[in-house]
Amino acid sequence: MYQIQVDKVFAASHAIRLPSGELEPLHGHNWPVSVTVQAAELDEIDTVMDFHILEDWLDTLLASVHNRHLNDVPPFADEQGNLCVNPSAERVARWIGSEIASRLPAHITLVRVSIGEAPGCTAIYLP
């Protein structure tokens, strides 16, 4: 098995809906993101896939949330701007993972997405 990983960082704010229904105070993070994909065999040029393609996909996703308030943007907000998915680090990782996985060729699989919310605090999505 062969794996590659790309790492990026985006900045965004969020406010998680608490069990009481209230939102925690609005706050921001610099969110480091790592995406790992794998293939059982290398392609015709001896790679899992082109790093730049994977980076471009991730850059496109992150551009939609960079310097934004996650509570206000899809998939965390609906078309009317109402919070519909709690923008926790776990849900951000799952969103990124699902979007990347949907673009991968059949012979490449998503292994994991990790996202840091604060130093020493990392959420991991394993499909």
C-alpha atoms as a PDB file:
ATOM      1  CA  MET A   1       0.000   0.000   0.000  1.00  0.00           C
ATOM      2  CA  TYR A   2       1.207   3.513  -0.831  1.00  0.00           C
ATOM      3  CA  GLN A   3       0.017   6.757   0.710  1.00  0.00           C
ATOM      4  CA  ILE A   4       0.469  10.461   0.081  1.00  0.00           C
ATOM      5  CA  GLN A   5      -0.548  13.360   2.279  1.00  0.00           C
ATOM      6  CA  VAL A   6      -1.102  17.062   1.678  1.00  0.00           C
ATOM      7  CA  ASP A   7      -1.169  19.656   4.425  1.00  0.00           C
ATOM      8  CA  LYS A   8      -2.821  23.077   4.344  1.00  0.00           C
ATOM      9  CA  VAL A   9      -4.072  25.696   6.806  1.00  0.00           C
ATOM     10  CA  PHE A  10      -7.159  27.884   6.662  1.00  0.00           C
ATOM     11  CA  ALA A  11      -8.540  30.527   9.006  1.00  0.00           C
ATOM     12  CA  ALA A  12     -12.200  30.595   9.990  1.00  0.00           C
ATOM     13  CA  SER A  13     -14.459  31.335  12.911  1.00  0.00           C
ATOM     14  CA  HIS A  14     -17.250  29.203  14.312  1.00  0.00           C
ATOM     15  CA  ALA A  15     -19.618  28.897  17.238  1.00  0.00           C
ATOM     16  CA  ILE A  16     -20.711  25.385  18.142  1.00  0.00           C
ATOM     17  CA  ARG A  17     -24.329  24.796  19.147  1.00  0.00           C
ATOM     18  CA  LEU A  18     -24.213  23.432  22.692  1.00  0.00           C
ATOM     19  CA  PRO A  19     -26.557  20.749  24.115  1.00  0.00           C
ATOM     20  CA  SER A  20     -28.640  23.539  25.677  1.00  0.00           C
ATOM     21  CA  GLY A  21     -29.316  24.920  22.188  1.00  0.00           C
ATOM     22  CA  GLU A  22     -27.230  28.023  22.793  1.00  0.00           C
ATOM     23  CA  LEU A  23     -24.206  28.862  20.696  1.00  0.00           C
ATOM     24  CA  GLU A  24     -20.812  29.010  22.330  1.00  0.00           C
ATOM     25  CA  PRO A  25     -19.078  32.392  21.955  1.00  0.00           C
ATOM     26  CA  LEU A  26     -17.913  33.206  18.440  1.00  0.00           C
ATOM     27  CA  HIS A  27     -14.200  32.520  18.058  1.00  0.00           C
ATOM     28  CA  GLY A  28     -11.691  31.817  15.327  1.00  0.00           C
ATOM     29  CA  HIS A  29      -8.952  29.326  14.605  1.00  0.00           C
ATOM     30  CA  ASN A  30      -6.160  28.680  12.204  1.00  0.00           C
ATOM     31  CA  TRP A  31      -7.173  25.163  11.181  1.00  0.00           C
ATOM     32  CA  PRO A  32      -4.300  22.919   9.993  1.00  0.00           C
ATOM     33  CA  VAL A  33      -5.650  20.200   7.699  1.00  0.00           C
ATOM     34  CA  SER A  34      -3.972  16.981   6.527  1.00  0.00           C
ATOM     35  CA  VAL A  35      -5.512  14.744   3.872  1.00  0.00           C
ATOM     36  CA  THR A  36      -4.106  11.254   3.270  1.00  0.00           C
ATOM     37  CA  VAL A  37      -5.018   9.047   0.309  1.00  0.00           C
ATOM     38  CA  GLN A  38      -3.745   5.625  -0.714  1.00  0.00           C
ATOM     39  CA  ALA A  39      -3.475   3.168  -3.562  1.00  0.00           C
ATOM     40  CA  ALA A  40      -2.517  -0.498  -3.598  1.00  0.00           C
ATOM     41  CA  GLU A  41      -0.377   0.034  -6.678  1.00  0.00           C
ATOM     42  CA  LEU A  42       1.439   2.994  -8.166  1.00  0.00           C
ATOM     43  CA  ASP A  43       0.333   4.512 -11.460  1.00  0.00           C
ATOM     44  CA  GLU A  44       2.240   4.588 -14.754  1.00  0.00           C
ATOM     45  CA  ILE A  45       4.619   7.243 -13.418  1.00  0.00           C
ATOM     46  CA  ASP A  46       5.103   5.484 -10.063  1.00  0.00           C
ATOM     47  CA  THR A  47       2.893   7.748  -7.949  1.00  0.00           C
ATOM     48  CA  VAL A  48      -0.300   7.301  -5.964  1.00  0.00           C
ATOM     49  CA  MET A  49      -1.559  10.435  -7.730  1.00  0.00           C
ATOM     50  CA  ASP A  50      -0.283  13.883  -8.573  1.00  0.00           C
ATOM     51  CA  PHE A  51       0.243  15.841  -5.341  1.00  0.00           C
ATOM     52  CA  HIS A  52      -0.756  19.046  -7.142  1.00  0.00           C
ATOM     53  CA  ILE A  53      -4.170  17.678  -8.086  1.00  0.00           C
ATOM     54  CA  LEU A  54      -4.901  16.704  -4.493  1.00  0.00           C
ATOM     55  CA  GLU A  55      -3.625  20.096  -3.305  1.00  0.00           C
ATOM     56  CA  ASP A  56      -5.795  21.906  -5.854  1.00  0.00           C
ATOM     57  CA  TRP A  57      -8.903  20.025  -4.711  1.00  0.00           C
ATOM     58  CA  LEU A  58      -8.157  20.873  -1.085  1.00  0.00           C
ATOM     59  CA  ASP A  59      -7.359  24.512  -1.943  1.00  0.00           C
ATOM     60  CA  THR A  60     -10.704  24.839  -3.729  1.00  0.00           C
ATOM     61  CA  LEU A  61     -12.600  23.481  -0.721  1.00  0.00           C
ATOM     62  CA  LEU A  62     -10.730  25.614   1.760  1.00  0.00           C
ATOM     63  CA  ALA A  63     -11.196  28.759  -0.345  1.00  0.00           C
ATOM     64  CA  SER A  64     -14.940  28.447   0.256  1.00  0.00           C
ATOM     65  CA  VAL A  65     -14.452  28.729   4.033  1.00  0.00           C
ATOM     66  CA  HIS A  66     -11.177  30.660   4.435  1.00  0.00           C
ATOM     67  CA  ASN A  67     -11.643  33.863   6.446  1.00  0.00           C
ATOM     68  CA  ARG A  68     -15.360  33.094   6.804  1.00  0.00           C
ATOM     69  CA  HIS A  69     -17.692  32.199   9.658  1.00  0.00           C
ATOM     70  CA  LEU A  70     -18.389  28.466   9.279  1.00  0.00           C
ATOM     71  CA  ASN A  71     -21.870  28.826  10.772  1.00  0.00           C
ATOM     72  CA  ASP A  72     -22.841  30.921   7.728  1.00  0.00           C
ATOM     73  CA  VAL A  73     -21.550  28.770   4.852  1.00  0.00           C
ATOM     74  CA  PRO A  74     -22.598  25.430   3.319  1.00  0.00           C
ATOM     75  CA  PRO A  75     -22.557  22.660   4.281  1.00  0.00           C
ATOM     76  CA  PHE A  76     -22.885  24.032   7.814  1.00  0.00           C
ATOM     77  CA  ALA A  77     -25.623  26.511   6.888  1.00  0.00           C
ATOM     78  CA  ASP A  78     -28.627  25.881   4.679  1.00  0.00           C
ATOM     79  CA  GLU A  79     -29.651  28.062   1.724  1.00  0.00           C
ATOM     80  CA  GLN A  80     -31.347  30.522   4.074  1.00  0.00           C
ATOM     81  CA  GLY A  81     -28.173  30.854   6.160  1.00  0.00           C
ATOM     82  CA  ASN A  82     -29.511  28.853   9.097  1.00  0.00           C
ATOM     83  CA  LEU A  83     -27.119  26.587  10.965  1.00  0.00           C
ATOM     84  CA  CYS A  84     -27.918  23.003   9.951  1.00  0.00           C
ATOM     85  CA  VAL A  85     -24.667  21.115  10.718  1.00  0.00           C
ATOM     86  CA  ASN A  86     -22.725  21.920  13.869  1.00  0.00           C
ATOM     87  CA  PRO A  87     -19.337  23.229  12.645  1.00  0.00           C
ATOM     88  CA  SER A  88     -17.220  21.158  15.016  1.00  0.00           C
ATOM     89  CA  ALA A  89     -13.702  20.144  13.995  1.00  0.00           C
ATOM     90  CA  GLU A  90     -15.025  16.610  13.529  1.00  0.00           C
ATOM     91  CA  ARG A  91     -17.714  17.780  11.100  1.00  0.00           C
ATOM     92  CA  VAL A  92     -15.260  20.007   9.218  1.00  0.00           C
ATOM     93  CA  ALA A  93     -12.940  17.002   8.819  1.00  0.00           C
ATOM     94  CA  ARG A  94     -15.827  14.842   7.586  1.00  0.00           C
ATOM     95  CA  TRP A  95     -16.930  17.517   5.075  1.00  0.00           C
ATOM     96  CA  ILE A  96     -13.420  17.803   3.664  1.00  0.00           C
ATOM     97  CA  GLY A  97     -13.029  14.017   3.564  1.00  0.00           C
ATOM     98  CA  SER A  98     -16.345  13.429   1.830  1.00  0.00           C
ATOM     99  CA  GLU A  99     -15.619  16.074  -0.790  1.00  0.00           C
ATOM    100  CA  ILE A 100     -12.126  14.746  -1.509  1.00  0.00           C
ATOM    101  CA  ALA A 101     -13.306  11.114  -1.593  1.00  0.00           C
ATOM    102  CA  SER A 102     -15.964  11.984  -4.185  1.00  0.00           C
ATOM    103  CA  ARG A 103     -13.251  13.227  -6.566  1.00  0.00           C
ATOM    104  CA  LEU A 104     -10.858  10.274  -6.258  1.00  0.00           C
ATOM    105  CA  PRO A 105     -10.499   7.682  -9.023  1.00  0.00           C
ATOM    106  CA  ALA A 106     -11.733   4.208  -8.109  1.00  0.00           C
ATOM    107  CA  HIS A 107      -8.247   2.815  -7.407  1.00  0.00           C
ATOM    108  CA  ILE A 108      -7.437   5.544  -4.825  1.00  0.00           C
ATOM    109  CA  THR A 109      -9.094   5.740  -1.418  1.00  0.00           C
ATOM    110  CA  LEU A 110      -9.260   8.357   1.282  1.00  0.00           C
ATOM    111  CA  VAL A 111      -7.427   7.170   4.395  1.00  0.00           C
ATOM    112  CA  ARG A 112      -7.965  10.052   6.780  1.00  0.00           C
ATOM    113  CA  VAL A 113      -8.460  13.737   7.287  1.00  0.00           C
ATOM    114  CA  SER A 114      -7.074  15.372  10.389  1.00  0.00           C
ATOM    115  CA  ILE A 115      -7.850  18.904  11.433  1.00  0.00           C
ATOM    116  CA  GLY A 116      -6.433  20.871  14.322  1.00  0.00           C
ATOM    117  CA  GLU A 117      -8.648  23.212  16.263  1.00  0.00           C
ATOM    118  CA  ALA A 118      -6.128  24.286  18.890  1.00  0.00           C
ATOM    119  CA  PRO A 119      -2.577  23.254  19.812  1.00  0.00           C
ATOM    120  CA  GLY A 120      -2.734  19.651  20.946  1.00  0.00           C
ATOM    121  CA  CYS A 121      -6.380  19.235  19.857  1.00  0.00           C
ATOM    122  CA  THR A 122      -6.932  17.318  16.614  1.00  0.00           C
ATOM    123  CA  ALA A 123     -10.056  15.776  15.140  1.00  0.00           C
ATOM    124  CA  ILE A 124      -9.659  12.848  12.733  1.00  0.00           C
ATOM    125  CA  TYR A 125     -12.126  11.574  10.178  1.00  0.00           C
ATOM    126  CA  LEU A 126     -11.631   7.984   8.994  1.00  0.00           C
ATOM    127  CA  PRO A 127     -14.083   7.039   6.219  1.00  0.00           C
END
